[in-house]
Amino acid sequence: GWHRQAPGKQRELVASISQSGRTNYADSVKGRFTISRD
């Protein structure tokens, strides 16, 4: 997964990808960010 932490804010999940390639995105980045794995 990728998480992020902005100044003064808690760390939050941005996107994750399972062993099989299933992805999950935060609502704030859907349609803009893409996670992939090799």
PDB file of all heavy atoms in Angstrom:
ATOM      1  N   GLY A   1       0.805  -1.215   0.000  1.00  0.00           N
ATOM      2  CA  GLY A   1       0.000   0.000   0.000  1.00  0.00           C
ATOM      3  C   GLY A   1       0.835   1.260   0.000  1.00  0.00           C
ATOM      4  O   GLY A   1       2.044   1.220   0.272  1.00  0.00           O
ATOM      5  N   TRP A   2       0.183   2.347  -0.346  1.00  0.00           N
ATOM      6  CA  TRP A   2       0.754   3.682  -0.217  1.00  0.00           C
ATOM      7  C   TRP A   2      -0.131   4.466   0.747  1.00  0.00           C
ATOM      8  O   TRP A   2      -1.369   4.472   0.608  1.00  0.00           O
ATOM      9  CB  TRP A   2       0.797   4.391  -1.576  1.00  0.00           C
ATOM     10  CG  TRP A   2       1.858   3.898  -2.487  1.00  0.00           C
ATOM     11  CD1 TRP A   2       1.745   2.955  -3.463  1.00  0.00           C
ATOM     12  CD2 TRP A   2       3.230   4.326  -2.499  1.00  0.00           C
ATOM     13  NE1 TRP A   2       2.960   2.778  -4.087  1.00  0.00           N
ATOM     14  CE2 TRP A   2       3.883   3.598  -3.516  1.00  0.00           C
ATOM     15  CE3 TRP A   2       3.973   5.241  -1.758  1.00  0.00           C
ATOM     16  CZ2 TRP A   2       5.246   3.761  -3.819  1.00  0.00           C
ATOM     17  CZ3 TRP A   2       5.311   5.402  -2.053  1.00  0.00           C
ATOM     18  CH2 TRP A   2       5.931   4.675  -3.070  1.00  0.00           C
ATOM     19  N   HIS A   3       0.509   5.080   1.711  1.00  0.00           N
ATOM     20  CA  HIS A   3      -0.162   5.941   2.660  1.00  0.00           C
ATOM     21  C   HIS A   3       0.476   7.322   2.568  1.00  0.00           C
ATOM     22  O   HIS A   3       1.590   7.450   2.039  1.00  0.00           O
ATOM     23  CB  HIS A   3      -0.005   5.400   4.081  1.00  0.00           C
ATOM     24  CG  HIS A   3      -0.640   4.063   4.293  1.00  0.00           C
ATOM     25  ND1 HIS A   3      -1.668   3.855   5.185  1.00  0.00           N
ATOM     26  CD2 HIS A   3      -0.403   2.850   3.719  1.00  0.00           C
ATOM     27  CE1 HIS A   3      -2.017   2.579   5.165  1.00  0.00           C
ATOM     28  NE2 HIS A   3      -1.261   1.952   4.283  1.00  0.00           N
ATOM     29  N   ARG A   4      -0.192   8.320   3.103  1.00  0.00           N
ATOM     30  CA  ARG A   4       0.398   9.653   3.105  1.00  0.00           C
ATOM     31  C   ARG A   4       0.056  10.370   4.393  1.00  0.00           C
ATOM     32  O   ARG A   4      -0.949  10.078   5.045  1.00  0.00           O
ATOM     33  CB  ARG A   4      -0.081  10.465   1.897  1.00  0.00           C
ATOM     34  CG  ARG A   4      -1.562  10.832   1.923  1.00  0.00           C
ATOM     35  CD  ARG A   4      -1.955  11.512   0.619  1.00  0.00           C
ATOM     36  NE  ARG A   4      -3.370  11.880   0.596  1.00  0.00           N
ATOM     37  CZ  ARG A   4      -3.997  12.346  -0.472  1.00  0.00           C
ATOM     38  NH1 ARG A   4      -3.350  12.500  -1.626  1.00  0.00           N
ATOM     39  NH2 ARG A   4      -5.286  12.661  -0.406  1.00  0.00           N
ATOM     40  N   GLN A   5       0.924  11.309   4.723  1.00  0.00           N
ATOM     41  CA  GLN A   5       0.703  12.125   5.909  1.00  0.00           C
ATOM     42  C   GLN A   5       1.033  13.570   5.581  1.00  0.00           C
ATOM     43  O   GLN A   5       2.184  13.901   5.265  1.00  0.00           O
ATOM     44  CB  GLN A   5       1.555  11.638   7.079  1.00  0.00           C
ATOM     45  CG  GLN A   5       1.240  12.344   8.383  1.00  0.00           C
ATOM     46  CD  GLN A   5       1.821  11.624   9.575  1.00  0.00           C
ATOM     47  OE1 GLN A   5       2.718  10.798   9.456  1.00  0.00           O
ATOM     48  NE2 GLN A   5       1.306  11.927  10.754  1.00  0.00           N
ATOM     49  N   ALA A   6       0.008  14.394   5.648  1.00  0.00           N
ATOM     50  CA  ALA A   6       0.180  15.824   5.420  1.00  0.00           C
ATOM     51  C   ALA A   6       0.500  16.509   6.750  1.00  0.00           C
ATOM     52  O   ALA A   6       0.183  15.969   7.816  1.00  0.00           O
ATOM     53  CB  ALA A   6      -1.094  16.411   4.819  1.00  0.00           C
ATOM     54  N   PRO A   7       1.116  17.673   6.708  1.00  0.00           N
ATOM     55  CA  PRO A   7       1.452  18.381   7.949  1.00  0.00           C
ATOM     56  C   PRO A   7       0.227  18.591   8.818  1.00  0.00           C
ATOM     57  O   PRO A   7      -0.815  19.056   8.362  1.00  0.00           O
ATOM     58  CB  PRO A   7       1.998  19.715   7.437  1.00  0.00           C
ATOM     59  CG  PRO A   7       2.522  19.418   6.083  1.00  0.00           C
ATOM     60  CD  PRO A   7       1.595  18.388   5.515  1.00  0.00           C
ATOM     61  N   GLY A   8       0.346  18.193  10.094  1.00  0.00           N
ATOM     62  CA  GLY A   8      -0.738  18.390  11.042  1.00  0.00           C
ATOM     63  C   GLY A   8      -1.889  17.407  10.919  1.00  0.00           C
ATOM     64  O   GLY A   8      -2.894  17.547  11.614  1.00  0.00           O
ATOM     65  N   LYS A   9      -1.731  16.411  10.053  1.00  0.00           N
ATOM     66  CA  LYS A   9      -2.810  15.444   9.855  1.00  0.00           C
ATOM     67  C   LYS A   9      -2.315  14.030  10.133  1.00  0.00           C
ATOM     68  O   LYS A   9      -1.118  13.762  10.166  1.00  0.00           O
ATOM     69  CB  LYS A   9      -3.354  15.530   8.429  1.00  0.00           C
ATOM     70  CG  LYS A   9      -4.033  16.848   8.111  1.00  0.00           C
ATOM     71  CD  LYS A   9      -4.709  16.797   6.764  1.00  0.00           C
ATOM     72  CE  LYS A   9      -5.464  18.089   6.470  1.00  0.00           C
ATOM     73  NZ  LYS A   9      -6.163  18.039   5.149  1.00  0.00           N
ATOM     74  N   GLN A  10      -3.270  13.129  10.324  1.00  0.00           N
ATOM     75  CA  GLN A  10      -2.921  11.730  10.554  1.00  0.00           C
ATOM     76  C   GLN A  10      -2.558  11.048   9.235  1.00  0.00           C
ATOM     77  O   GLN A  10      -3.002  11.454   8.159  1.00  0.00           O
ATOM     78  CB  GLN A  10      -4.101  11.006  11.209  1.00  0.00           C
ATOM     79  CG  GLN A  10      -4.361  11.411  12.648  1.00  0.00           C
ATOM     80  CD  GLN A  10      -5.384  10.517  13.323  1.00  0.00           C
ATOM     81  OE1 GLN A  10      -6.294  10.004  12.678  1.00  0.00           O
ATOM     82  NE2 GLN A  10      -5.233  10.326  14.616  1.00  0.00           N
ATOM     83  N   ARG A  11      -1.786  10.013   9.340  1.00  0.00           N
ATOM     84  CA  ARG A  11      -1.453   9.220   8.162  1.00  0.00           C
ATOM     85  C   ARG A  11      -2.723   8.538   7.657  1.00  0.00           C
ATOM     86  O   ARG A  11      -3.519   8.025   8.446  1.00  0.00           O
ATOM     87  CB  ARG A  11      -0.388   8.179   8.507  1.00  0.00           C
ATOM     88  CG  ARG A  11       0.214   7.488   7.307  1.00  0.00           C
ATOM     89  CD  ARG A  11       1.372   6.593   7.704  1.00  0.00           C
ATOM     90  NE  ARG A  11       2.473   7.339   8.301  1.00  0.00           N
ATOM     91  CZ  ARG A  11       3.662   6.788   8.559  1.00  0.00           C
ATOM     92  NH1 ARG A  11       3.891   5.517   8.268  1.00  0.00           N
ATOM     93  NH2 ARG A  11       4.612   7.515   9.103  1.00  0.00           N
ATOM     94  N   GLU A  12      -2.885   8.525   6.348  1.00  0.00           N
ATOM     95  CA  GLU A  12      -4.082   7.935   5.761  1.00  0.00           C
ATOM     96  C   GLU A  12      -3.713   7.022   4.601  1.00  0.00           C
ATOM     97  O   GLU A  12      -2.703   7.245   3.911  1.00  0.00           O
ATOM     98  CB  GLU A  12      -5.034   9.023   5.253  1.00  0.00           C
ATOM     99  CG  GLU A  12      -4.467   9.904   4.153  1.00  0.00           C
ATOM    100  CD  GLU A  12      -5.484  10.890   3.601  1.00  0.00           C
ATOM    101  OE1 GLU A  12      -6.651  10.876   4.031  1.00  0.00           O
ATOM    102  OE2 GLU A  12      -5.103  11.685   2.721  1.00  0.00           O
ATOM    103  N   LEU A  13      -4.554   6.025   4.378  1.00  0.00           N
ATOM    104  CA  LEU A  13      -4.362   5.121   3.251  1.00  0.00           C
ATOM    105  C   LEU A  13      -4.720   5.843   1.957  1.00  0.00           C
ATOM    106  O   LEU A  13      -5.772   6.470   1.850  1.00  0.00           O
ATOM    107  CB  LEU A  13      -5.243   3.891   3.400  1.00  0.00           C
ATOM    108  CG  LEU A  13      -5.256   2.930   2.215  1.00  0.00           C
ATOM    109  CD1 LEU A  13      -3.904   2.243   2.056  1.00  0.00           C
ATOM    110  CD2 LEU A  13      -6.365   1.900   2.385  1.00  0.00           C
ATOM    111  N   VAL A  14      -3.844   5.732   0.979  1.00  0.00           N
ATOM    112  CA  VAL A  14      -4.089   6.283  -0.352  1.00  0.00           C
ATOM    113  C   VAL A  14      -4.578   5.185  -1.289  1.00  0.00           C
ATOM    114  O   VAL A  14      -5.599   5.323  -1.960  1.00  0.00           O
ATOM    115  CB  VAL A  14      -2.812   6.927  -0.928  1.00  0.00           C
ATOM    116  CG1 VAL A  14      -3.054   7.403  -2.359  1.00  0.00           C
ATOM    117  CG2 VAL A  14      -2.348   8.074  -0.047  1.00  0.00           C
ATOM    118  N   ALA A  15      -3.833   4.090  -1.322  1.00  0.00           N
ATOM    119  CA  ALA A  15      -4.193   2.988  -2.208  1.00  0.00           C
ATOM    120  C   ALA A  15      -3.506   1.720  -1.724  1.00  0.00           C
ATOM    121  O   ALA A  15      -2.439   1.787  -1.111  1.00  0.00           O
ATOM    122  CB  ALA A  15      -3.774   3.281  -3.646  1.00  0.00           C
ATOM    123  N   SER A  16      -4.128   0.577  -2.006  1.00  0.00           N
ATOM    124  CA  SER A  16      -3.516  -0.702  -1.676  1.00  0.00           C
ATOM    125  C   SER A  16      -3.779  -1.684  -2.808  1.00  0.00           C
ATOM    126  O   SER A  16      -4.712  -1.503  -3.606  1.00  0.00           O
ATOM    127  CB  SER A  16      -4.043  -1.250  -0.362  1.00  0.00           C
ATOM    128  OG  SER A  16      -5.425  -1.520  -0.461  1.00  0.00           O
ATOM    129  N   ILE A  17      -2.933  -2.710  -2.842  1.00  0.00           N
ATOM    130  CA  ILE A  17      -3.082  -3.737  -3.868  1.00  0.00           C
ATOM    131  C   ILE A  17      -2.780  -5.085  -3.237  1.00  0.00           C
ATOM    132  O   ILE A  17      -1.766  -5.259  -2.565  1.00  0.00           O
ATOM    133  CB  ILE A  17      -2.185  -3.431  -5.091  1.00  0.00           C
ATOM    134  CG1 ILE A  17      -2.422  -4.452  -6.205  1.00  0.00           C
ATOM    135  CG2 ILE A  17      -0.709  -3.336  -4.713  1.00  0.00           C
ATOM    136  CD1 ILE A  17      -1.828  -4.022  -7.541  1.00  0.00           C
ATOM    137  N   SER A  18      -3.676  -6.029  -3.448  1.00  0.00           N
ATOM    138  CA  SER A  18      -3.544  -7.343  -2.827  1.00  0.00           C
ATOM    139  C   SER A  18      -2.559  -8.206  -3.608  1.00  0.00           C
ATOM    140  O   SER A  18      -2.049  -7.826  -4.659  1.00  0.00           O
ATOM    141  CB  SER A  18      -4.902  -8.033  -2.783  1.00  0.00           C
ATOM    142  OG  SER A  18      -5.291  -8.451  -4.084  1.00  0.00           O
ATOM    143  N   GLN A  19      -2.343  -9.393  -3.066  1.00  0.00           N
ATOM    144  CA  GLN A  19      -1.446 -10.342  -3.709  1.00  0.00           C
ATOM    145  C   GLN A  19      -1.931 -10.695  -5.122  1.00  0.00           C
ATOM    146  O   GLN A  19      -1.131 -10.942  -6.027  1.00  0.00           O
ATOM    147  CB  GLN A  19      -1.336 -11.628  -2.877  1.00  0.00           C
ATOM    148  CG  GLN A  19      -0.834 -11.438  -1.460  1.00  0.00           C
ATOM    149  CD  GLN A  19      -1.948 -11.180  -0.464  1.00  0.00           C
ATOM    150  OE1 GLN A  19      -2.958 -10.565  -0.780  1.00  0.00           O
ATOM    151  NE2 GLN A  19      -1.758 -11.656   0.758  1.00  0.00           N
ATOM    152  N   SER A  20      -3.237 -10.710  -5.297  1.00  0.00           N
ATOM    153  CA  SER A  20      -3.820 -11.080  -6.592  1.00  0.00           C
ATOM    154  C   SER A  20      -4.025  -9.885  -7.517  1.00  0.00           C
ATOM    155  O   SER A  20      -4.475 -10.056  -8.652  1.00  0.00           O
ATOM    156  CB  SER A  20      -5.167 -11.775  -6.378  1.00  0.00           C
ATOM    157  OG  SER A  20      -6.082 -10.890  -5.762  1.00  0.00           O
ATOM    158  N   GLY A  21      -3.725  -8.689  -7.013  1.00  0.00           N
ATOM    159  CA  GLY A  21      -3.861  -7.500  -7.851  1.00  0.00           C
ATOM    160  C   GLY A  21      -5.126  -6.696  -7.628  1.00  0.00           C
ATOM    161  O   GLY A  21      -5.367  -5.714  -8.341  1.00  0.00           O
ATOM    162  N   ARG A  22      -5.933  -7.085  -6.647  1.00  0.00           N
ATOM    163  CA  ARG A  22      -7.126  -6.310  -6.343  1.00  0.00           C
ATOM    164  C   ARG A  22      -6.712  -4.991  -5.722  1.00  0.00           C
ATOM    165  O   ARG A  22      -5.918  -4.957  -4.788  1.00  0.00           O
ATOM    166  CB  ARG A  22      -8.049  -7.069  -5.409  1.00  0.00           C
ATOM    167  CG  ARG A  22      -9.307  -6.293  -5.013  1.00  0.00           C
ATOM    168  CD  ARG A  22     -10.192  -7.103  -4.111  1.00  0.00           C
ATOM    169  NE  ARG A  22     -10.731  -8.278  -4.787  1.00  0.00           N
ATOM    170  CZ  ARG A  22     -11.565  -9.139  -4.209  1.00  0.00           C
ATOM    171  NH1 ARG A  22     -11.940  -8.942  -2.957  1.00  0.00           N
ATOM    172  NH2 ARG A  22     -12.011 -10.169  -4.884  1.00  0.00           N
ATOM    173  N   THR A  23      -7.297  -3.896  -6.201  1.00  0.00           N
ATOM    174  CA  THR A  23      -6.901  -2.575  -5.731  1.00  0.00           C
ATOM    175  C   THR A  23      -8.000  -1.900  -4.909  1.00  0.00           C
ATOM    176  O   THR A  23      -9.184  -2.198  -5.050  1.00  0.00           O
ATOM    177  CB  THR A  23      -6.541  -1.667  -6.915  1.00  0.00           C
ATOM    178  OG1 THR A  23      -7.673  -1.585  -7.801  1.00  0.00           O
ATOM    179  CG2 THR A  23      -5.345  -2.209  -7.676  1.00  0.00           C
ATOM    180  N   ASN A  24      -7.554  -0.978  -4.077  1.00  0.00           N
ATOM    181  CA  ASN A  24      -8.457  -0.201  -3.239  1.00  0.00           C
ATOM    182  C   ASN A  24      -7.908   1.211  -3.157  1.00  0.00           C
ATOM    183  O   ASN A  24      -6.686   1.381  -3.001  1.00  0.00           O
ATOM    184  CB  ASN A  24      -8.543  -0.819  -1.838  1.00  0.00           C
ATOM    185  CG  ASN A  24      -9.431  -0.028  -0.912  1.00  0.00           C
ATOM    186  OD1 ASN A  24     -10.576   0.243  -1.228  1.00  0.00           O
ATOM    187  ND2 ASN A  24      -8.891   0.363   0.240  1.00  0.00           N
ATOM    188  N   TYR A  25      -8.796   2.204  -3.292  1.00  0.00           N
ATOM    189  CA  TYR A  25      -8.350   3.589  -3.293  1.00  0.00           C
ATOM    190  C   TYR A  25      -9.161   4.433  -2.315  1.00  0.00           C
ATOM    191  O   TYR A  25     -10.361   4.202  -2.107  1.00  0.00           O
ATOM    192  CB  TYR A  25      -8.511   4.207  -4.688  1.00  0.00           C
ATOM    193  CG  TYR A  25      -7.664   3.571  -5.755  1.00  0.00           C
ATOM    194  CD1 TYR A  25      -8.148   2.539  -6.545  1.00  0.00           C
ATOM    195  CD2 TYR A  25      -6.349   3.997  -5.960  1.00  0.00           C
ATOM    196  CE1 TYR A  25      -7.370   1.947  -7.525  1.00  0.00           C
ATOM    197  CE2 TYR A  25      -5.560   3.415  -6.943  1.00  0.00           C
ATOM    198  CZ  TYR A  25      -6.079   2.394  -7.715  1.00  0.00           C
ATOM    199  OH  TYR A  25      -5.289   1.814  -8.673  1.00  0.00           O
ATOM    200  N   ALA A  26      -8.516   5.420  -1.762  1.00  0.00           N
ATOM    201  CA  ALA A  26      -9.236   6.436  -1.006  1.00  0.00           C
ATOM    202  C   ALA A  26     -10.133   7.212  -1.977  1.00  0.00           C
ATOM    203  O   ALA A  26      -9.765   7.416  -3.147  1.00  0.00           O
ATOM    204  CB  ALA A  26      -8.256   7.385  -0.334  1.00  0.00           C
ATOM    205  N   ASP A  27     -11.279   7.631  -1.486  1.00  0.00           N
ATOM    206  CA  ASP A  27     -12.224   8.360  -2.354  1.00  0.00           C
ATOM    207  C   ASP A  27     -11.573   9.601  -2.964  1.00  0.00           C
ATOM    208  O   ASP A  27     -11.867   9.970  -4.104  1.00  0.00           O
ATOM    209  CB  ASP A  27     -13.460   8.768  -1.555  1.00  0.00           C
ATOM    210  CG  ASP A  27     -14.364   7.589  -1.238  1.00  0.00           C
ATOM    211  OD1 ASP A  27     -14.215   6.534  -1.903  1.00  0.00           O
ATOM    212  OD2 ASP A  27     -15.191   7.720  -0.328  1.00  0.00           O
ATOM    213  N   SER A  28     -10.680  10.219  -2.214  1.00  0.00           N
ATOM    214  CA  SER A  28     -10.086  11.477  -2.654  1.00  0.00           C
ATOM    215  C   SER A  28      -9.154  11.324  -3.852  1.00  0.00           C
ATOM    216  O   SER A  28      -8.817  12.310  -4.514  1.00  0.00           O
ATOM    217  CB  SER A  28      -9.320  12.131  -1.503  1.00  0.00           C
ATOM    218  OG  SER A  28      -8.302  11.267  -1.037  1.00  0.00           O
ATOM    219  N   VAL A  29      -8.722  10.082  -4.139  1.00  0.00           N
ATOM    220  CA  VAL A  29      -7.774   9.884  -5.246  1.00  0.00           C
ATOM    221  C   VAL A  29      -8.332   9.000  -6.357  1.00  0.00           C
ATOM    222  O   VAL A  29      -7.662   8.795  -7.369  1.00  0.00           O
ATOM    223  CB  VAL A  29      -6.436   9.298  -4.740  1.00  0.00           C
ATOM    224  CG1 VAL A  29      -5.869  10.145  -3.612  1.00  0.00           C
ATOM    225  CG2 VAL A  29      -6.588   7.846  -4.316  1.00  0.00           C
ATOM    226  N   LYS A  30      -9.534   8.485  -6.174  1.00  0.00           N
ATOM    227  CA  LYS A  30     -10.120   7.611  -7.200  1.00  0.00           C
ATOM    228  C   LYS A  30     -10.209   8.334  -8.534  1.00  0.00           C
ATOM    229  O   LYS A  30     -10.630   9.484  -8.608  1.00  0.00           O
ATOM    230  CB  LYS A  30     -11.520   7.158  -6.768  1.00  0.00           C
ATOM    231  CG  LYS A  30     -11.514   6.042  -5.751  1.00  0.00           C
ATOM    232  CD  LYS A  30     -12.937   5.623  -5.377  1.00  0.00           C
ATOM    233  CE  LYS A  30     -12.908   4.526  -4.339  1.00  0.00           C
ATOM    234  NZ  LYS A  30     -14.276   4.153  -3.889  1.00  0.00           N
ATOM    235  N   GLY A  31      -9.791   7.640  -9.580  1.00  0.00           N
ATOM    236  CA  GLY A  31      -9.823   8.216 -10.917  1.00  0.00           C
ATOM    237  C   GLY A  31      -8.591   9.031 -11.253  1.00  0.00           C
ATOM    238  O   GLY A  31      -8.394   9.403 -12.415  1.00  0.00           O
ATOM    239  N   ARG A  32      -7.760   9.321 -10.269  1.00  0.00           N
ATOM    240  CA  ARG A  32      -6.551  10.120 -10.503  1.00  0.00           C
ATOM    241  C   ARG A  32      -5.275   9.318 -10.255  1.00  0.00           C
ATOM    242  O   ARG A  32      -4.264   9.540 -10.934  1.00  0.00           O
ATOM    243  CB  ARG A  32      -6.548  11.349  -9.599  1.00  0.00           C
ATOM    244  CG  ARG A  32      -7.724  12.274  -9.806  1.00  0.00           C
ATOM    245  CD  ARG A  32      -7.547  13.588  -9.043  1.00  0.00           C
ATOM    246  NE  ARG A  32      -7.481  13.395  -7.592  1.00  0.00           N
ATOM    247  CZ  ARG A  32      -6.450  13.762  -6.830  1.00  0.00           C
ATOM    248  NH1 ARG A  32      -5.398  14.357  -7.370  1.00  0.00           N
ATOM    249  NH2 ARG A  32      -6.496  13.577  -5.512  1.00  0.00           N
ATOM    250  N   PHE A  33      -5.304   8.412  -9.279  1.00  0.00           N
ATOM    251  CA  PHE A  33      -4.126   7.636  -8.908  1.00  0.00           C
ATOM    252  C   PHE A  33      -4.323   6.182  -9.322  1.00  0.00           C
ATOM    253  O   PHE A  33      -5.451   5.664  -9.287  1.00  0.00           O
ATOM    254  CB  PHE A  33      -3.905   7.680  -7.400  1.00  0.00           C
ATOM    255  CG  PHE A  33      -3.458   8.998  -6.846  1.00  0.00           C
ATOM    256  CD1 PHE A  33      -3.483  10.164  -7.602  1.00  0.00           C
ATOM    257  CD2 PHE A  33      -3.004   9.084  -5.530  1.00  0.00           C
ATOM    258  CE1 PHE A  33      -3.076  11.373  -7.085  1.00  0.00           C
ATOM    259  CE2 PHE A  33      -2.594  10.289  -4.984  1.00  0.00           C
ATOM    260  CZ  PHE A  33      -2.635  11.430  -5.757  1.00  0.00           C
ATOM    261  N   THR A  34      -3.223   5.533  -9.662  1.00  0.00           N
ATOM    262  CA  THR A  34      -3.246   4.115 -10.019  1.00  0.00           C
ATOM    263  C   THR A  34      -2.094   3.408  -9.330  1.00  0.00           C
ATOM    264  O   THR A  34      -0.937   3.799  -9.485  1.00  0.00           O
ATOM    265  CB  THR A  34      -3.134   3.914 -11.537  1.00  0.00           C
ATOM    266  OG1 THR A  34      -4.199   4.613 -12.196  1.00  0.00           O
ATOM    267  CG2 THR A  34      -3.230   2.437 -11.885  1.00  0.00           C
ATOM    268  N   ILE A  35      -2.426   2.348  -8.584  1.00  0.00           N
ATOM    269  CA  ILE A  35      -1.397   1.539  -7.927  1.00  0.00           C
ATOM    270  C   ILE A  35      -1.174   0.278  -8.745  1.00  0.00           C
ATOM    271  O   ILE A  35      -2.119  -0.286  -9.308  1.00  0.00           O
ATOM    272  CB  ILE A  35      -1.797   1.212  -6.472  1.00  0.00           C
ATOM    273  CG1 ILE A  35      -0.639   0.558  -5.720  1.00  0.00           C
ATOM    274  CG2 ILE A  35      -3.042   0.340  -6.429  1.00  0.00           C
ATOM    275  CD1 ILE A  35      -0.891   0.418  -4.217  1.00  0.00           C
ATOM    276  N   SER A  36       0.080  -0.140  -8.805  1.00  0.00           N
ATOM    277  CA  SER A  36       0.404  -1.371  -9.533  1.00  0.00           C
ATOM    278  C   SER A  36       1.572  -2.057  -8.840  1.00  0.00           C
ATOM    279  O   SER A  36       2.305  -1.419  -8.081  1.00  0.00           O
ATOM    280  CB  SER A  36       0.747  -1.064 -10.993  1.00  0.00           C
ATOM    281  OG  SER A  36       1.881  -0.222 -11.084  1.00  0.00           O
ATOM    282  N   ARG A  37       1.741  -3.330  -9.114  1.00  0.00           N
ATOM    283  CA  ARG A  37       2.848  -4.075  -8.505  1.00  0.00           C
ATOM    284  C   ARG A  37       3.459  -5.005  -9.529  1.00  0.00           C
ATOM    285  O   ARG A  37       2.783  -5.476 -10.459  1.00  0.00           O
ATOM    286  CB  ARG A  37       2.377  -4.863  -7.274  1.00  0.00           C
ATOM    287  CG  ARG A  37       1.431  -6.005  -7.575  1.00  0.00           C
ATOM    288  CD  ARG A  37       0.844  -6.588  -6.280  1.00  0.00           C
ATOM    289  NE  ARG A  37       1.850  -7.252  -5.469  1.00  0.00           N
ATOM    290  CZ  ARG A  37       1.690  -7.556  -4.177  1.00  0.00           C
ATOM    291  NH1 ARG A  37       0.551  -7.221  -3.563  1.00  0.00           N
ATOM    292  NH2 ARG A  37       2.627  -8.184  -3.511  1.00  0.00           N
ATOM    293  N   ASP A  38       4.739  -5.281  -9.319  1.00  0.00           N
ATOM    294  CA  ASP A  38       5.470  -6.237 -10.141  1.00  0.00           C
ATOM    295  C   ASP A  38       6.123  -7.218  -9.173  1.00  0.00           C
ATOM    296  O   ASP A  38       7.157  -6.907  -8.572  1.00  0.00           O
ATOM    297  CB  ASP A  38       6.511  -5.517 -11.001  1.00  0.00           C
ATOM    298  CG  ASP A  38       7.191  -6.446 -11.985  1.00  0.00           C
ATOM    299  OD1 ASP A  38       7.300  -7.655 -11.704  1.00  0.00           O
ATOM    300  OD2 ASP A  38       7.650  -5.958 -13.031  1.00  0.00           O
TER     301      ASP A  38
END
